[in-house]
N, C-alpha and C. Protein backbone atom coordinates (compact mmCIF):
# COMPACT_ATOMS: atom_id res chain seq x y z
N MET A 1 5.72 -37.38 -61.25
CA MET A 1 6.20 -36.08 -61.72
C MET A 1 5.14 -35.45 -62.60
N PRO A 2 4.72 -34.23 -62.32
CA PRO A 2 3.70 -33.57 -63.14
C PRO A 2 4.21 -33.32 -64.56
N THR A 3 3.30 -33.43 -65.50
CA THR A 3 3.63 -33.17 -66.89
C THR A 3 3.33 -31.72 -67.24
N ALA A 4 3.70 -31.31 -68.46
CA ALA A 4 3.52 -29.91 -68.87
C ALA A 4 2.05 -29.50 -68.84
N GLY A 5 1.12 -30.43 -69.04
CA GLY A 5 -0.29 -30.10 -69.01
C GLY A 5 -0.87 -30.02 -67.61
N ASP A 6 -0.16 -30.53 -66.62
CA ASP A 6 -0.61 -30.54 -65.24
C ASP A 6 -0.54 -29.13 -64.66
N PRO A 7 -1.59 -28.71 -63.93
CA PRO A 7 -1.57 -27.35 -63.34
C PRO A 7 -0.40 -27.13 -62.38
N ALA A 8 0.10 -28.18 -61.75
CA ALA A 8 1.22 -28.01 -60.81
C ALA A 8 2.56 -27.83 -61.52
N HIS A 9 2.58 -28.08 -62.82
CA HIS A 9 3.84 -27.99 -63.57
C HIS A 9 4.45 -26.59 -63.49
N TRP A 10 3.66 -25.55 -63.65
CA TRP A 10 4.19 -24.19 -63.63
C TRP A 10 4.72 -23.80 -62.25
N VAL A 11 4.11 -24.36 -61.20
CA VAL A 11 4.59 -24.10 -59.84
C VAL A 11 5.96 -24.75 -59.65
N LEU A 12 6.10 -25.98 -60.13
CA LEU A 12 7.39 -26.66 -60.01
C LEU A 12 8.47 -25.95 -60.83
N GLU A 13 8.09 -25.42 -61.98
CA GLU A 13 9.05 -24.63 -62.76
C GLU A 13 9.48 -23.39 -61.99
N ALA A 14 8.54 -22.76 -61.30
CA ALA A 14 8.86 -21.57 -60.50
C ALA A 14 9.79 -21.94 -59.34
N VAL A 15 9.52 -23.08 -58.71
CA VAL A 15 10.40 -23.53 -57.61
C VAL A 15 11.81 -23.73 -58.15
N GLU A 16 11.92 -24.40 -59.29
CA GLU A 16 13.22 -24.66 -59.90
C GLU A 16 13.96 -23.36 -60.21
N ALA A 17 13.23 -22.39 -60.74
CA ALA A 17 13.87 -21.15 -61.19
C ALA A 17 14.17 -20.17 -60.06
N TYR A 18 13.32 -20.12 -59.03
CA TYR A 18 13.42 -19.03 -58.07
C TYR A 18 13.73 -19.43 -56.63
N GLU A 19 13.80 -20.71 -56.33
CA GLU A 19 14.02 -21.10 -54.93
C GLU A 19 15.36 -20.57 -54.39
N LEU A 20 16.44 -20.78 -55.12
CA LEU A 20 17.74 -20.33 -54.61
C LEU A 20 17.87 -18.80 -54.58
N PRO A 21 17.45 -18.07 -55.63
CA PRO A 21 17.51 -16.60 -55.52
C PRO A 21 16.66 -16.07 -54.38
N LEU A 22 15.47 -16.66 -54.17
CA LEU A 22 14.63 -16.23 -53.05
C LEU A 22 15.29 -16.53 -51.71
N LEU A 23 15.93 -17.68 -51.61
CA LEU A 23 16.59 -18.05 -50.36
C LEU A 23 17.74 -17.10 -50.05
N ARG A 24 18.55 -16.77 -51.07
CA ARG A 24 19.64 -15.80 -50.86
C ARG A 24 19.09 -14.45 -50.41
N TYR A 25 18.04 -14.01 -51.09
CA TYR A 25 17.42 -12.72 -50.77
C TYR A 25 16.88 -12.72 -49.34
N ALA A 26 16.12 -13.75 -48.99
CA ALA A 26 15.53 -13.82 -47.65
C ALA A 26 16.59 -13.94 -46.57
N ARG A 27 17.66 -14.68 -46.86
CA ARG A 27 18.73 -14.82 -45.87
C ARG A 27 19.42 -13.48 -45.61
N ARG A 28 19.60 -12.71 -46.67
CA ARG A 28 20.23 -11.40 -46.47
C ARG A 28 19.31 -10.47 -45.68
N LEU A 29 18.01 -10.56 -45.92
CA LEU A 29 17.07 -9.72 -45.18
C LEU A 29 17.01 -10.12 -43.71
N LEU A 30 16.99 -11.41 -43.46
CA LEU A 30 16.73 -11.91 -42.12
C LEU A 30 17.98 -12.28 -41.33
N ASP A 31 19.07 -12.56 -42.02
CA ASP A 31 20.30 -13.00 -41.37
C ASP A 31 20.07 -14.25 -40.52
N ASP A 32 19.16 -15.12 -41.01
CA ASP A 32 18.84 -16.36 -40.30
C ASP A 32 18.36 -17.36 -41.35
N LEU A 33 19.09 -18.45 -41.52
CA LEU A 33 18.77 -19.42 -42.57
C LEU A 33 17.42 -20.08 -42.35
N ASP A 34 17.10 -20.43 -41.11
CA ASP A 34 15.81 -21.08 -40.84
C ASP A 34 14.64 -20.15 -41.16
N LEU A 35 14.73 -18.90 -40.74
CA LEU A 35 13.67 -17.94 -41.06
C LEU A 35 13.60 -17.68 -42.56
N ALA A 36 14.75 -17.69 -43.22
CA ALA A 36 14.76 -17.50 -44.67
C ALA A 36 14.05 -18.66 -45.36
N HIS A 37 14.33 -19.89 -44.93
CA HIS A 37 13.63 -21.05 -45.49
C HIS A 37 12.12 -20.92 -45.26
N ASP A 38 11.73 -20.45 -44.10
CA ASP A 38 10.31 -20.27 -43.79
C ASP A 38 9.67 -19.26 -44.74
N ALA A 39 10.35 -18.15 -44.98
CA ALA A 39 9.80 -17.11 -45.86
C ALA A 39 9.67 -17.63 -47.30
N VAL A 40 10.65 -18.37 -47.76
CA VAL A 40 10.61 -18.92 -49.13
C VAL A 40 9.51 -19.96 -49.24
N GLN A 41 9.43 -20.83 -48.25
CA GLN A 41 8.37 -21.84 -48.26
C GLN A 41 7.00 -21.17 -48.26
N HIS A 42 6.84 -20.14 -47.47
CA HIS A 42 5.58 -19.40 -47.43
C HIS A 42 5.22 -18.85 -48.81
N ALA A 43 6.21 -18.31 -49.51
CA ALA A 43 5.97 -17.75 -50.84
C ALA A 43 5.48 -18.82 -51.81
N PHE A 44 6.08 -20.00 -51.76
CA PHE A 44 5.68 -21.07 -52.68
C PHE A 44 4.33 -21.67 -52.29
N VAL A 45 4.03 -21.72 -51.01
CA VAL A 45 2.69 -22.18 -50.59
C VAL A 45 1.64 -21.20 -51.12
N LYS A 46 1.91 -19.92 -50.99
CA LYS A 46 0.98 -18.91 -51.51
C LYS A 46 0.87 -19.00 -53.03
N LEU A 47 1.97 -19.34 -53.70
CA LEU A 47 1.93 -19.48 -55.15
C LEU A 47 0.99 -20.62 -55.56
N CYS A 48 0.97 -21.67 -54.77
CA CYS A 48 0.07 -22.80 -55.06
C CYS A 48 -1.39 -22.38 -55.00
N GLU A 49 -1.69 -21.32 -54.26
CA GLU A 49 -3.06 -20.83 -54.14
C GLU A 49 -3.44 -19.90 -55.29
N GLN A 50 -2.50 -19.55 -56.15
CA GLN A 50 -2.73 -18.64 -57.26
C GLN A 50 -2.95 -19.42 -58.54
N SER A 51 -3.60 -18.79 -59.49
CA SER A 51 -3.67 -19.39 -60.82
C SER A 51 -2.62 -18.72 -61.69
N GLN A 52 -2.14 -19.45 -62.64
CA GLN A 52 -1.10 -18.92 -63.53
C GLN A 52 -1.62 -17.69 -64.27
N ASP A 53 -2.89 -17.70 -64.62
CA ASP A 53 -3.49 -16.57 -65.34
C ASP A 53 -3.54 -15.31 -64.49
N GLN A 54 -3.75 -15.46 -63.17
CA GLN A 54 -3.81 -14.31 -62.27
C GLN A 54 -2.50 -13.54 -62.26
N LEU A 55 -1.40 -14.25 -62.36
CA LEU A 55 -0.09 -13.61 -62.26
C LEU A 55 0.38 -13.03 -63.58
N GLN A 56 -0.21 -13.40 -64.67
CA GLN A 56 0.05 -12.85 -65.99
C GLN A 56 1.54 -12.70 -66.28
N GLY A 57 2.31 -13.76 -66.07
CA GLY A 57 3.73 -13.73 -66.39
C GLY A 57 4.58 -12.93 -65.42
N ARG A 58 4.05 -12.56 -64.27
CA ARG A 58 4.79 -11.77 -63.28
C ARG A 58 5.10 -12.61 -62.05
N VAL A 59 5.51 -13.85 -62.28
CA VAL A 59 5.76 -14.78 -61.18
C VAL A 59 6.93 -14.30 -60.30
N ALA A 60 8.04 -13.89 -60.92
CA ALA A 60 9.23 -13.50 -60.14
C ALA A 60 8.95 -12.34 -59.20
N PRO A 61 8.42 -11.20 -59.69
CA PRO A 61 8.17 -10.12 -58.74
C PRO A 61 7.15 -10.49 -57.67
N TRP A 62 6.16 -11.30 -58.04
CA TRP A 62 5.14 -11.71 -57.08
C TRP A 62 5.78 -12.56 -55.97
N LEU A 63 6.60 -13.54 -56.35
CA LEU A 63 7.27 -14.38 -55.36
C LEU A 63 8.18 -13.57 -54.44
N PHE A 64 8.96 -12.68 -55.02
CA PHE A 64 9.86 -11.87 -54.20
C PHE A 64 9.07 -10.97 -53.26
N ARG A 65 7.93 -10.44 -53.71
CA ARG A 65 7.10 -9.58 -52.86
C ARG A 65 6.53 -10.37 -51.69
N VAL A 66 5.99 -11.56 -51.96
CA VAL A 66 5.42 -12.39 -50.89
C VAL A 66 6.52 -12.80 -49.91
N CYS A 67 7.67 -13.18 -50.43
CA CYS A 67 8.80 -13.56 -49.58
C CYS A 67 9.25 -12.36 -48.72
N ARG A 68 9.32 -11.19 -49.34
CA ARG A 68 9.71 -9.98 -48.61
C ARG A 68 8.72 -9.67 -47.50
N ASN A 69 7.42 -9.78 -47.82
CA ASN A 69 6.39 -9.50 -46.81
C ASN A 69 6.52 -10.44 -45.62
N LYS A 70 6.79 -11.71 -45.88
CA LYS A 70 6.96 -12.67 -44.79
C LYS A 70 8.22 -12.33 -43.99
N ALA A 71 9.29 -11.95 -44.68
CA ALA A 71 10.51 -11.56 -43.98
C ALA A 71 10.27 -10.34 -43.09
N VAL A 72 9.54 -9.36 -43.61
CA VAL A 72 9.22 -8.17 -42.82
C VAL A 72 8.39 -8.56 -41.60
N ASP A 73 7.46 -9.50 -41.77
CA ASP A 73 6.69 -9.99 -40.61
C ASP A 73 7.61 -10.57 -39.55
N HIS A 74 8.59 -11.38 -39.98
CA HIS A 74 9.55 -11.94 -39.03
C HIS A 74 10.34 -10.83 -38.34
N LEU A 75 10.77 -9.83 -39.12
CA LEU A 75 11.55 -8.73 -38.55
C LEU A 75 10.71 -7.91 -37.57
N ARG A 76 9.46 -7.71 -37.90
CA ARG A 76 8.59 -6.96 -36.99
C ARG A 76 8.45 -7.69 -35.67
N ARG A 77 8.28 -9.00 -35.76
CA ARG A 77 8.18 -9.78 -34.53
C ARG A 77 9.47 -9.65 -33.73
N ALA A 78 10.57 -9.49 -34.40
CA ALA A 78 11.85 -9.35 -33.71
C ALA A 78 12.17 -7.89 -33.41
N GLY A 79 11.32 -6.97 -33.87
CA GLY A 79 11.53 -5.56 -33.58
C GLY A 79 12.63 -4.91 -34.39
N ARG A 80 12.95 -5.49 -35.57
CA ARG A 80 14.06 -4.97 -36.35
C ARG A 80 13.64 -4.41 -37.70
N GLU A 81 12.35 -4.16 -37.92
CA GLU A 81 11.91 -3.76 -39.25
C GLU A 81 12.34 -2.34 -39.60
N GLN A 82 12.63 -1.52 -38.64
CA GLN A 82 12.94 -0.13 -38.94
C GLN A 82 14.14 0.02 -39.87
N ALA A 83 15.17 -0.78 -39.68
CA ALA A 83 16.36 -0.70 -40.52
C ALA A 83 16.04 -1.07 -41.96
N LEU A 84 15.16 -2.03 -42.16
CA LEU A 84 14.81 -2.46 -43.51
C LEU A 84 13.94 -1.43 -44.21
N LEU A 85 13.01 -0.82 -43.48
CA LEU A 85 12.05 0.09 -44.09
C LEU A 85 12.52 1.53 -44.14
N ASP A 86 13.62 1.85 -43.45
CA ASP A 86 14.13 3.21 -43.38
C ASP A 86 14.85 3.56 -44.68
N ASP A 87 14.38 4.59 -45.36
CA ASP A 87 14.99 5.00 -46.62
C ASP A 87 16.08 6.05 -46.43
N SER A 88 16.47 6.35 -45.20
CA SER A 88 17.48 7.37 -44.99
C SER A 88 18.87 6.82 -45.24
N GLY A 89 19.82 7.71 -45.41
CA GLY A 89 21.20 7.25 -45.59
C GLY A 89 21.60 7.29 -47.03
N ALA A 90 22.82 7.75 -47.09
CA ALA A 90 23.29 7.80 -48.45
C ALA A 90 24.23 6.57 -48.59
N THR A 91 24.18 -10.12 -52.34
CA THR A 91 24.66 -10.53 -52.65
C THR A 91 25.03 -11.92 -52.89
N ALA A 92 24.05 -14.37 -53.98
CA ALA A 92 25.37 -14.80 -54.41
C ALA A 92 25.82 -13.91 -55.47
N HIS A 93 27.02 -13.37 -55.26
CA HIS A 93 27.58 -12.49 -56.27
C HIS A 93 28.35 -13.35 -57.26
N THR A 94 27.98 -13.13 -58.50
CA THR A 94 28.65 -13.95 -59.50
C THR A 94 30.02 -13.36 -59.81
N VAL A 95 30.94 -14.22 -60.04
CA VAL A 95 32.29 -13.82 -60.39
C VAL A 95 32.63 -14.52 -61.70
N ALA A 96 33.24 -13.79 -62.61
CA ALA A 96 33.56 -14.35 -63.91
C ALA A 96 34.46 -15.56 -63.77
N THR A 97 34.19 -16.57 -64.58
CA THR A 97 35.02 -17.76 -64.55
C THR A 97 36.14 -17.62 -65.55
N PRO A 98 37.27 -18.25 -65.31
CA PRO A 98 38.40 -18.13 -66.24
C PRO A 98 38.03 -18.75 -67.58
N PRO A 99 38.58 -18.19 -68.67
CA PRO A 99 38.24 -18.72 -69.99
C PRO A 99 38.70 -20.16 -70.20
N ASP A 100 39.77 -20.58 -69.54
CA ASP A 100 40.26 -21.94 -69.69
C ASP A 100 39.46 -22.84 -68.75
N LEU A 101 38.53 -23.62 -69.29
CA LEU A 101 37.65 -24.43 -68.47
C LEU A 101 38.26 -25.78 -68.09
N ARG A 102 39.42 -26.11 -68.63
CA ARG A 102 40.02 -27.40 -68.32
C ARG A 102 40.44 -27.50 -66.87
N GLU A 103 41.23 -26.59 -66.40
CA GLU A 103 41.75 -26.63 -65.04
C GLU A 103 41.83 -25.21 -64.51
N PRO A 104 40.96 -24.83 -63.57
CA PRO A 104 40.99 -23.45 -63.06
C PRO A 104 42.30 -23.17 -62.32
N ASP A 105 42.76 -21.97 -62.49
CA ASP A 105 43.97 -21.52 -61.82
C ASP A 105 43.67 -21.30 -60.34
N PRO A 106 44.36 -22.00 -59.43
CA PRO A 106 44.08 -21.84 -58.00
C PRO A 106 44.25 -20.40 -57.52
N ALA A 107 45.21 -19.70 -58.06
CA ALA A 107 45.41 -18.30 -57.66
C ALA A 107 44.22 -17.44 -58.09
N ALA A 108 43.73 -17.68 -59.31
CA ALA A 108 42.57 -16.93 -59.80
C ALA A 108 41.33 -17.25 -58.98
N LEU A 109 41.17 -18.53 -58.62
CA LEU A 109 40.02 -18.91 -57.79
C LEU A 109 40.10 -18.26 -56.42
N ALA A 110 41.27 -18.22 -55.84
CA ALA A 110 41.44 -17.58 -54.53
C ALA A 110 41.16 -16.09 -54.63
N GLU A 111 41.63 -15.47 -55.71
CA GLU A 111 41.38 -14.04 -55.92
C GLU A 111 39.89 -13.77 -56.09
N GLN A 112 39.20 -14.61 -56.85
CA GLN A 112 37.76 -14.44 -57.05
C GLN A 112 37.02 -14.62 -55.74
N HIS A 113 37.44 -15.59 -54.95
CA HIS A 113 36.80 -15.82 -53.65
C HIS A 113 37.01 -14.60 -52.74
N ASP A 114 38.22 -14.08 -52.73
CA ASP A 114 38.51 -12.89 -51.91
C ASP A 114 37.70 -11.70 -52.38
N LEU A 115 37.58 -11.52 -53.70
CA LEU A 115 36.81 -10.41 -54.24
C LEU A 115 35.34 -10.54 -53.87
N ALA A 116 34.79 -11.75 -53.99
CA ALA A 116 33.38 -11.97 -53.63
C ALA A 116 33.16 -11.69 -52.15
N ALA A 117 34.11 -12.12 -51.31
CA ALA A 117 34.01 -11.87 -49.87
C ALA A 117 34.07 -10.37 -49.58
N LEU A 118 34.96 -9.65 -50.28
CA LEU A 118 35.08 -8.21 -50.09
C LEU A 118 33.80 -7.50 -50.48
N VAL A 119 33.27 -7.83 -51.66
CA VAL A 119 32.04 -7.18 -52.12
C VAL A 119 30.88 -7.51 -51.17
N GLY A 120 30.80 -8.77 -50.73
CA GLY A 120 29.76 -9.15 -49.78
C GLY A 120 29.88 -8.38 -48.48
N SER A 121 31.11 -8.20 -48.02
CA SER A 121 31.34 -7.44 -46.80
C SER A 121 30.95 -5.98 -46.96
N LEU A 122 31.30 -5.40 -48.11
CA LEU A 122 30.95 -4.00 -48.36
C LEU A 122 29.44 -3.83 -48.53
N LEU A 123 28.80 -4.80 -49.18
CA LEU A 123 27.33 -4.75 -49.31
C LEU A 123 26.67 -4.76 -47.94
N ALA A 124 27.21 -5.54 -47.03
CA ALA A 124 26.62 -5.65 -45.70
C ALA A 124 26.64 -4.32 -44.94
N HIS A 125 27.54 -3.41 -45.34
CA HIS A 125 27.64 -2.13 -44.66
C HIS A 125 26.82 -1.02 -45.34
N LEU A 126 26.17 -1.35 -46.45
CA LEU A 126 25.30 -0.36 -47.09
C LEU A 126 24.02 -0.22 -46.28
N PRO A 127 23.36 0.94 -46.38
CA PRO A 127 22.05 1.07 -45.75
C PRO A 127 21.10 -0.01 -46.29
N ALA A 128 20.21 -0.50 -45.46
CA ALA A 128 19.34 -1.63 -45.81
C ALA A 128 18.58 -1.42 -47.13
N PRO A 129 18.00 -0.25 -47.41
CA PRO A 129 17.28 -0.11 -48.69
C PRO A 129 18.20 -0.25 -49.90
N GLN A 130 19.42 0.27 -49.82
CA GLN A 130 20.38 0.13 -50.93
C GLN A 130 20.80 -1.32 -51.08
N ARG A 131 21.08 -1.97 -49.97
CA ARG A 131 21.50 -3.36 -49.99
C ARG A 131 20.39 -4.24 -50.58
N GLU A 132 19.16 -4.03 -50.16
CA GLU A 132 18.04 -4.82 -50.67
C GLU A 132 17.86 -4.60 -52.17
N THR A 133 17.95 -3.36 -52.60
CA THR A 133 17.81 -3.05 -54.03
C THR A 133 18.89 -3.73 -54.84
N LEU A 134 20.13 -3.67 -54.39
CA LEU A 134 21.23 -4.31 -55.12
C LEU A 134 21.11 -5.84 -55.08
N ASP A 135 20.64 -6.40 -53.98
CA ASP A 135 20.42 -7.85 -53.92
C ASP A 135 19.42 -8.28 -54.99
N LEU A 136 18.33 -7.55 -55.09
CA LEU A 136 17.30 -7.89 -56.08
C LEU A 136 17.82 -7.65 -57.49
N TRP A 137 18.56 -6.58 -57.69
CA TRP A 137 19.11 -6.27 -59.01
C TRP A 137 20.10 -7.36 -59.43
N CYS A 138 20.92 -7.83 -58.49
CA CYS A 138 21.87 -8.90 -58.79
C CYS A 138 21.15 -10.23 -59.05
N SER A 139 19.92 -10.35 -58.60
CA SER A 139 19.12 -11.54 -58.88
C SER A 139 18.51 -11.49 -60.27
N GLY A 140 18.75 -10.40 -60.99
CA GLY A 140 18.28 -10.31 -62.36
C GLY A 140 16.94 -9.62 -62.53
N LEU A 141 16.45 -8.99 -61.49
CA LEU A 141 15.16 -8.30 -61.59
C LEU A 141 15.34 -6.89 -62.14
N THR A 142 14.33 -6.40 -62.82
CA THR A 142 14.37 -5.05 -63.38
C THR A 142 14.02 -4.04 -62.29
N TYR A 143 14.28 -2.77 -62.58
CA TYR A 143 13.93 -1.71 -61.63
C TYR A 143 12.43 -1.70 -61.37
N ARG A 144 11.65 -1.92 -62.41
CA ARG A 144 10.19 -1.94 -62.25
C ARG A 144 9.77 -3.09 -61.34
N GLN A 145 10.36 -4.26 -61.51
CA GLN A 145 10.04 -5.41 -60.67
C GLN A 145 10.48 -5.16 -59.22
N ILE A 146 11.64 -4.55 -59.05
CA ILE A 146 12.13 -4.25 -57.70
C ILE A 146 11.19 -3.26 -57.02
N ALA A 147 10.72 -2.27 -57.77
CA ALA A 147 9.77 -1.30 -57.22
C ALA A 147 8.49 -2.00 -56.78
N GLU A 148 8.04 -2.93 -57.59
CA GLU A 148 6.83 -3.68 -57.27
C GLU A 148 7.02 -4.52 -56.00
N ILE A 149 8.19 -5.12 -55.87
CA ILE A 149 8.48 -5.98 -54.73
C ILE A 149 8.59 -5.16 -53.44
N THR A 150 9.31 -4.04 -53.51
CA THR A 150 9.61 -3.28 -52.29
C THR A 150 8.56 -2.22 -51.96
N GLY A 151 7.67 -1.95 -52.89
CA GLY A 151 6.66 -0.92 -52.63
C GLY A 151 7.19 0.49 -52.80
N ARG A 152 8.33 0.62 -53.44
CA ARG A 152 8.90 1.95 -53.71
C ARG A 152 8.58 2.33 -55.15
N THR A 153 8.84 3.57 -55.49
CA THR A 153 8.67 3.98 -56.88
C THR A 153 9.87 3.50 -57.69
N GLU A 154 9.68 3.38 -58.99
CA GLU A 154 10.78 2.94 -59.84
C GLU A 154 11.93 3.95 -59.79
N GLY A 155 11.59 5.24 -59.74
CA GLY A 155 12.63 6.27 -59.64
C GLY A 155 13.44 6.14 -58.36
N ASN A 156 12.76 5.85 -57.24
CA ASN A 156 13.45 5.67 -55.97
C ASN A 156 14.36 4.46 -56.01
N VAL A 157 13.90 3.40 -56.66
CA VAL A 157 14.72 2.19 -56.80
C VAL A 157 15.98 2.50 -57.60
N ARG A 158 15.84 3.27 -58.67
CA ARG A 158 17.00 3.64 -59.49
C ARG A 158 17.99 4.46 -58.66
N VAL A 159 17.47 5.38 -57.85
CA VAL A 159 18.33 6.21 -57.00
C VAL A 159 19.06 5.33 -55.97
N LEU A 160 18.34 4.41 -55.34
CA LEU A 160 18.96 3.52 -54.36
C LEU A 160 20.05 2.67 -55.00
N ALA A 161 19.78 2.13 -56.19
CA ALA A 161 20.78 1.32 -56.89
C ALA A 161 22.00 2.17 -57.24
N HIS A 162 21.75 3.37 -57.75
CA HIS A 162 22.86 4.26 -58.13
C HIS A 162 23.71 4.60 -56.90
N ARG A 163 23.06 4.97 -55.81
CA ARG A 163 23.80 5.34 -54.61
C ARG A 163 24.59 4.15 -54.06
N GLY A 164 23.97 2.97 -54.06
CA GLY A 164 24.66 1.78 -53.57
C GLY A 164 25.87 1.43 -54.42
N LEU A 165 25.68 1.44 -55.75
CA LEU A 165 26.80 1.13 -56.64
C LEU A 165 27.90 2.18 -56.54
N THR A 166 27.50 3.44 -56.39
CA THR A 166 28.49 4.52 -56.25
C THR A 166 29.29 4.33 -54.96
N ARG A 167 28.61 3.99 -53.88
CA ARG A 167 29.33 3.77 -52.61
C ARG A 167 30.31 2.60 -52.74
N LEU A 168 29.88 1.55 -53.44
CA LEU A 168 30.79 0.42 -53.64
C LEU A 168 31.96 0.82 -54.53
N ARG A 169 31.67 1.49 -55.63
CA ARG A 169 32.69 1.85 -56.61
C ARG A 169 33.71 2.82 -56.02
N THR A 170 33.29 3.68 -55.10
CA THR A 170 34.19 4.69 -54.55
C THR A 170 34.86 4.24 -53.25
N HIS A 171 34.56 3.04 -52.80
CA HIS A 171 35.21 2.54 -51.58
C HIS A 171 36.71 2.39 -51.88
N PRO A 172 37.56 2.78 -50.94
CA PRO A 172 39.01 2.75 -51.20
C PRO A 172 39.54 1.38 -51.63
N ARG A 173 39.04 0.31 -51.06
CA ARG A 173 39.54 -1.02 -51.43
C ARG A 173 39.12 -1.38 -52.85
N ILE A 174 37.92 -1.01 -53.25
CA ILE A 174 37.46 -1.27 -54.62
C ILE A 174 38.24 -0.39 -55.59
N ARG A 175 38.45 0.87 -55.23
CA ARG A 175 39.23 1.78 -56.09
C ARG A 175 40.62 1.20 -56.35
N THR A 176 41.24 0.66 -55.31
CA THR A 176 42.56 0.06 -55.46
C THR A 176 42.50 -1.11 -56.44
N LEU A 177 41.50 -1.97 -56.28
CA LEU A 177 41.34 -3.11 -57.18
C LEU A 177 41.11 -2.66 -58.62
N LEU A 178 40.28 -1.65 -58.80
CA LEU A 178 40.00 -1.15 -60.15
C LEU A 178 41.25 -0.54 -60.78
N ASN A 179 42.02 0.21 -59.98
CA ASN A 179 43.26 0.81 -60.49
C ASN A 179 44.28 -0.27 -60.84
N ASP A 180 44.39 -1.32 -59.98
CA ASP A 180 45.31 -2.42 -60.26
C ASP A 180 44.92 -3.13 -61.55
N ALA A 181 43.63 -3.38 -61.73
CA ALA A 181 43.16 -4.06 -62.94
C ALA A 181 43.41 -3.21 -64.18
N SER A 182 43.20 -1.89 -64.06
CA SER A 182 43.43 -0.99 -65.18
C SER A 182 44.91 -0.96 -65.56
N THR A 183 45.78 -0.91 -64.55
CA THR A 183 47.22 -0.91 -64.80
C THR A 183 47.65 -2.22 -65.44
N HIS A 184 47.09 -3.33 -64.96
CA HIS A 184 47.42 -4.66 -65.51
C HIS A 184 46.98 -4.75 -66.97
N ASP A 185 45.77 -4.25 -67.29
CA ASP A 185 45.27 -4.30 -68.68
C ASP A 185 46.10 -3.43 -69.59
N THR A 186 46.52 -2.24 -69.11
CA THR A 186 47.33 -1.33 -69.92
C THR A 186 48.69 -1.96 -70.21
N ALA A 187 49.28 -2.59 -69.20
CA ALA A 187 50.59 -3.23 -69.38
C ALA A 187 50.50 -4.40 -70.36
N ARG A 188 49.39 -5.11 -70.33
CA ARG A 188 49.22 -6.26 -71.21
C ARG A 188 49.04 -5.80 -72.65
N LEU A 189 48.42 -4.66 -72.89
CA LEU A 189 48.21 -4.14 -74.24
C LEU A 189 49.46 -3.53 -74.83
N SER A 190 50.43 -3.15 -73.99
CA SER A 190 51.65 -2.49 -74.48
C SER A 190 52.58 -3.45 -75.14
């Protein structure tokens, strides 16, 4: 196992921190687990060719950019890149855990699972640029990092995120859930 002084240590830390978020991102882009694994592996192989100083603390956006480029290469070979690169058109999604950590409520867990499935389904119907932006945003990246990864301007990324979130928020099923939650909170405060 490499130690903190070993040059490979920072690469292993990056693998630990970013492998799963990259895999989720690549899987959503490619809709193929094997191709997603290939894109993520490619990103980490390329990372091994870099020096830590070259990246100047920008490991996450760099990895996502390399992974995205490999995914786009796969899509081009499959003839599907147009949907990903088209800016026209107007998710693991975390769900809050119950405060009682002793024994989760099965009904609450089922509700959370259903909500995650609903949001995932709605995300899948967003235009590809909005979906990609929200996927990266949900991975904890900033608008500037997302712009760097996707090759868009930061302003365009903000617009895509806003439009995507607005479409989700205004979807009838989400509106119903928000209204139900608001009614439940009001009744509980009374």
